[in-house]
């Protein structure tokens, strides 16, 4: 018994499923980041006193929460990795032409953001593994340096890569018309804010997950309205010369 709807082809059904999978991966990444951000946010900030650092790393309960964030963060990274790859593949499958420049920049910026994101999370939380052990005791100034490095990586460098990812995705959405105009404009505003903002507040980490969550919900809502035929992939110059 066929499960296809009227006018539906196996290829179009696969495109719809790809859109839904892409959406759920983006939503999973967003929710995992929110959870891990809460866990990592309890760590002392660079401006915290030495006494606060010592009190925090002497508390087994707080270190366990922070260490849990360290282990949860890679799953957020894995979800984001699959999300950017699926999003790129889905756009290239449904687009009327191959947009190699923006598609490649989108992928590279997503990968660099992910690498910086995971490195920052490790720097912030890695000391929690042995913080309560007398043999692994580390002075507060060293712990502060790890914290400063972690927050610097994520709110200064990773956010710039996130800005490029948002801008290129919004541009592809505008060119290939798979995103509504208001969301494209929102993406440009979000990208400009992340790229140009001099703010180094930790809440910046939540901007990309918030935008990705909204993108995932949009893709879920629009999955059923995708075309029932797949537009053939445009040939690249290398194909023409073959």
Protein backbone atom coordinates (compact mmCIF):
# COMPACT_ATOMS: atom_id res chain seq x y z
CA UNK A 1 0.00 0.00 0.00
CA UNK A 2 1.46 3.34 -1.09
CA UNK A 3 2.07 5.96 1.60
CA UNK A 4 2.54 8.79 -0.91
CA UNK A 5 -0.01 11.59 -1.10
CA UNK A 6 -1.64 12.60 -4.38
CA UNK A 7 0.93 14.21 -6.69
CA UNK A 8 3.82 13.23 -4.42
CA UNK A 9 6.95 11.51 -5.68
CA UNK A 10 9.51 9.53 -3.66
CA UNK A 11 12.02 12.34 -4.29
CA UNK A 12 9.69 15.06 -2.99
CA UNK A 13 8.84 12.95 0.04
CA UNK A 14 12.56 12.59 0.78
CA UNK A 15 12.98 16.36 0.50
CA UNK A 16 10.16 16.88 3.01
CA UNK A 17 11.70 14.35 5.36
CA UNK A 18 15.08 16.06 4.98
CA UNK A 19 13.49 19.39 5.89
CA UNK A 20 11.93 17.89 9.01
CA UNK A 21 15.16 16.17 10.02
CA UNK A 22 17.07 19.41 9.51
CA UNK A 23 14.53 21.24 11.64
CA UNK A 24 14.66 18.73 14.49
CA UNK A 25 18.46 18.75 14.50
CA UNK A 26 18.43 22.55 14.80
CA UNK A 27 15.88 22.39 17.61
CA UNK A 28 17.89 19.69 19.42
CA UNK A 29 21.05 21.82 19.18
CA UNK A 30 19.21 24.84 20.58
CA UNK A 31 17.74 22.99 23.54
CA UNK A 32 21.03 21.28 24.38
CA UNK A 33 22.87 24.61 24.33
CA UNK A 34 20.27 26.15 26.63
CA UNK A 35 20.70 23.29 29.10
CA UNK A 36 24.49 23.28 28.94
CA UNK A 37 24.63 27.09 29.15
CA UNK A 38 22.75 26.92 32.43
CA UNK A 39 25.23 24.38 33.76
CA UNK A 40 28.29 26.31 32.61
CA UNK A 41 26.92 29.66 33.76
CA UNK A 42 27.35 28.71 37.40
CA UNK A 43 31.14 28.79 36.96
CA UNK A 44 32.93 31.86 38.36
CA UNK A 45 33.36 34.72 35.91
CA UNK A 46 36.72 36.40 35.20
CA UNK A 47 35.68 39.25 37.50
CA UNK A 48 35.00 36.88 40.43
CA UNK A 49 37.24 37.08 43.48
CA UNK A 50 39.80 34.45 44.48
CA UNK A 51 37.55 33.46 47.37
CA UNK A 52 34.66 32.78 44.98
CA UNK A 53 36.90 30.60 42.80
CA UNK A 54 38.12 28.61 45.80
CA UNK A 55 34.61 28.21 47.21
CA UNK A 56 33.24 27.06 43.86
CA UNK A 57 35.89 24.43 43.10
CA UNK A 58 35.76 23.18 46.68
CA UNK A 59 32.03 22.45 46.26
CA UNK A 60 31.47 18.94 44.92
CA UNK A 61 27.86 19.71 44.00
CA UNK A 62 28.72 22.73 41.85
CA UNK A 63 31.63 20.96 40.18
CA UNK A 64 29.41 18.01 39.28
CA UNK A 65 26.90 20.34 37.60
CA UNK A 66 29.70 22.04 35.68
CA UNK A 67 31.22 18.71 34.71
CA UNK A 68 27.81 17.56 33.45
CA UNK A 69 27.73 20.64 31.25
CA UNK A 70 31.11 19.62 29.86
CA UNK A 71 29.69 16.26 28.79
CA UNK A 72 26.41 17.69 27.51
CA UNK A 73 28.09 20.31 25.32
CA UNK A 74 29.57 17.79 22.83
CA UNK A 75 26.07 16.46 22.13
CA UNK A 76 24.99 20.01 21.30
CA UNK A 77 28.00 20.19 19.01
CA UNK A 78 27.13 16.90 17.32
CA UNK A 79 23.56 18.08 16.73
CA UNK A 80 24.84 21.35 15.24
CA UNK A 81 27.31 19.51 13.01
CA UNK A 82 24.53 17.34 11.58
CA UNK A 83 22.28 20.39 11.34
CA UNK A 84 24.66 22.45 9.20
CA UNK A 85 25.45 19.51 6.93
CA UNK A 86 21.77 18.58 6.49
CA UNK A 87 20.79 22.22 5.95
CA UNK A 88 23.42 22.65 3.26
CA UNK A 89 22.49 19.38 1.55
CA UNK A 90 18.77 20.21 1.68
CA UNK A 91 19.31 23.69 0.19
CA UNK A 92 21.48 22.30 -2.61
CA UNK A 93 18.90 19.57 -3.33
CA UNK A 94 15.96 21.95 -3.62
CA UNK A 95 17.64 25.04 -5.09
CA UNK A 96 17.22 25.84 -8.77
CA UNK A 97 20.96 26.53 -9.04
CA UNK A 98 24.08 25.73 -7.06
CA UNK A 99 25.32 28.71 -5.05
CA UNK A 100 28.82 27.48 -4.31
CA UNK A 101 30.20 30.67 -2.77
CA UNK A 102 27.58 31.28 -0.07
CA UNK A 103 27.02 27.55 0.48
CA UNK A 104 30.74 26.98 1.11
CA UNK A 105 31.09 30.01 3.39
CA UNK A 106 28.02 28.85 5.31
CA UNK A 107 29.57 25.43 5.90
CA UNK A 108 33.03 26.72 6.82
CA UNK A 109 31.70 29.35 9.24
CA UNK A 110 29.53 26.72 10.92
CA UNK A 111 32.49 24.37 11.36
CA UNK A 112 34.77 27.09 12.75
CA UNK A 113 32.02 28.25 15.12
CA UNK A 114 31.56 24.69 16.33
CA UNK A 115 35.30 24.22 16.96
CA UNK A 116 35.53 27.49 18.93
CA UNK A 117 32.33 26.67 20.81
CA UNK A 118 33.60 23.30 22.02
CA UNK A 119 37.07 24.65 22.86
CA UNK A 120 35.52 27.43 24.94
CA UNK A 121 33.27 24.99 26.80
CA UNK A 122 36.27 22.80 27.62
CA UNK A 123 38.30 25.76 28.88
CA UNK A 124 35.49 26.91 31.17
CA UNK A 125 34.66 23.52 32.65
CA UNK A 126 37.76 21.31 32.38
CA UNK A 127 39.15 22.33 35.79
CA UNK A 128 36.04 20.97 37.49
CA UNK A 129 37.31 17.42 36.87
CA UNK A 130 40.01 17.59 39.52
CA UNK A 131 39.22 20.79 41.35
CA UNK A 132 38.42 19.09 44.64
CA UNK A 133 41.47 16.90 44.71
CA UNK A 134 44.40 18.14 46.87
CA UNK A 135 46.85 16.66 44.36
CA UNK A 136 45.22 18.65 41.54
CA UNK A 137 44.89 21.92 43.43
CA UNK A 138 45.32 24.93 41.13
CA UNK A 139 45.67 28.51 42.25
CA UNK A 140 42.75 30.88 41.54
CA UNK A 141 44.74 32.99 39.06
CA UNK A 142 45.26 29.97 36.80
CA UNK A 143 41.58 29.06 37.04
CA UNK A 144 40.69 32.64 36.12
CA UNK A 145 42.90 32.44 33.03
CA UNK A 146 41.06 29.34 31.82
CA UNK A 147 37.74 31.09 32.43
CA UNK A 148 38.87 34.22 30.59
CA UNK A 149 40.08 32.15 27.65
CA UNK A 150 36.81 30.22 27.47
CA UNK A 151 34.52 33.23 27.55
CA UNK A 152 36.81 35.14 25.19
CA UNK A 153 36.74 32.36 22.63
CA UNK A 154 32.98 32.04 22.64
CA UNK A 155 31.75 35.65 22.95
CA UNK A 156 34.42 37.28 20.79
CA UNK A 157 35.58 34.79 18.17
CA UNK A 158 32.82 32.17 17.97
CA UNK A 159 30.11 34.84 17.78
CA UNK A 160 31.75 36.36 14.68
CA UNK A 161 31.65 32.98 12.98
CA UNK A 162 28.03 32.59 14.10
CA UNK A 163 27.29 35.96 12.49
CA UNK A 164 28.69 34.78 9.14
CA UNK A 165 26.68 31.56 9.39
CA UNK A 166 23.44 33.48 10.05
CA UNK A 167 24.10 36.01 7.26
CA UNK A 168 24.97 33.37 4.64
CA UNK A 169 21.97 31.22 5.60
CA UNK A 170 19.69 34.26 5.37
CA UNK A 171 21.16 35.14 1.98
CA UNK A 172 20.58 31.61 0.68
CA UNK A 173 17.05 31.72 2.09
CA UNK A 174 16.40 34.97 0.24
CA UNK A 175 17.91 33.82 -3.05
CA UNK A 176 16.18 30.46 -3.09
CA UNK A 177 13.00 31.66 -1.34
CA UNK A 178 12.76 28.99 1.32
CA UNK A 179 12.64 31.56 4.14
CA UNK A 180 9.99 34.28 4.62
CA UNK A 181 11.12 37.84 4.05
CA UNK A 182 10.67 38.87 7.69
CA UNK A 183 12.96 36.05 8.85
CA UNK A 184 15.58 36.99 6.27
CA UNK A 185 15.56 40.57 7.58
CA UNK A 186 15.74 39.25 11.14
CA UNK A 187 18.70 37.09 10.16
CA UNK A 188 20.58 40.08 8.74
CA UNK A 189 19.91 42.04 11.93
CA UNK A 190 21.02 39.16 14.13
CA UNK A 191 24.13 38.64 12.00
CA UNK A 192 25.04 42.32 12.09
CA UNK A 193 24.55 42.42 15.85
CA UNK A 194 26.82 39.41 16.43
CA UNK A 195 29.42 40.68 13.97
CA UNK A 196 29.65 44.30 15.13
CA UNK A 197 28.62 44.23 18.78
CA UNK A 198 31.29 45.26 21.27
CA UNK A 199 29.32 43.60 24.05
CA UNK A 200 31.04 40.63 25.66
CA UNK A 201 28.18 39.58 27.93
CA UNK A 202 27.70 35.79 28.23
CA UNK A 203 24.09 36.05 26.98
CA UNK A 204 25.49 36.41 23.45
CA UNK A 205 25.94 32.63 23.47
CA UNK A 206 22.15 32.27 23.36
CA UNK A 207 21.61 34.40 20.24
CA UNK A 208 22.52 31.73 17.66
CA UNK A 209 20.58 28.93 19.44
CA UNK A 210 17.54 31.24 19.66
CA UNK A 211 17.75 32.03 15.94
CA UNK A 212 18.31 28.34 15.11
CA UNK A 213 15.31 27.32 17.22
CA UNK A 214 13.11 29.73 15.29
CA UNK A 215 14.55 28.48 11.99
CA UNK A 216 13.80 24.90 12.99
CA UNK A 217 10.20 25.75 13.86
CA UNK A 218 9.82 27.55 10.52
CA UNK A 219 11.16 24.56 8.61
CA UNK A 220 8.75 22.26 10.41
CA UNK A 221 5.82 24.54 9.61
CA UNK A 222 6.80 24.90 5.96
CA UNK A 223 7.79 21.28 5.30
CA UNK A 224 4.32 20.34 4.06
CA UNK A 225 4.25 23.23 1.61
CA UNK A 226 7.44 22.25 -0.19
CA UNK A 227 7.13 21.67 -3.97
CA UNK A 228 5.93 18.23 -5.02
CA UNK A 229 8.68 18.05 -7.60
CA UNK A 230 12.39 18.39 -7.01
CA UNK A 231 14.16 21.03 -9.06
CA UNK A 232 17.05 19.44 -10.93
CA UNK A 233 20.46 20.39 -9.62
CA UNK A 234 22.17 22.97 -11.76
CA UNK A 235 25.28 21.81 -13.52
CA UNK A 236 28.58 23.28 -12.40
CA UNK A 237 31.26 24.60 -14.80
CA UNK A 238 33.30 21.45 -14.23
CA UNK A 239 30.35 19.35 -15.37
CA UNK A 240 30.00 21.37 -18.58
CA UNK A 241 33.62 20.87 -19.43
CA UNK A 242 33.54 17.15 -18.91
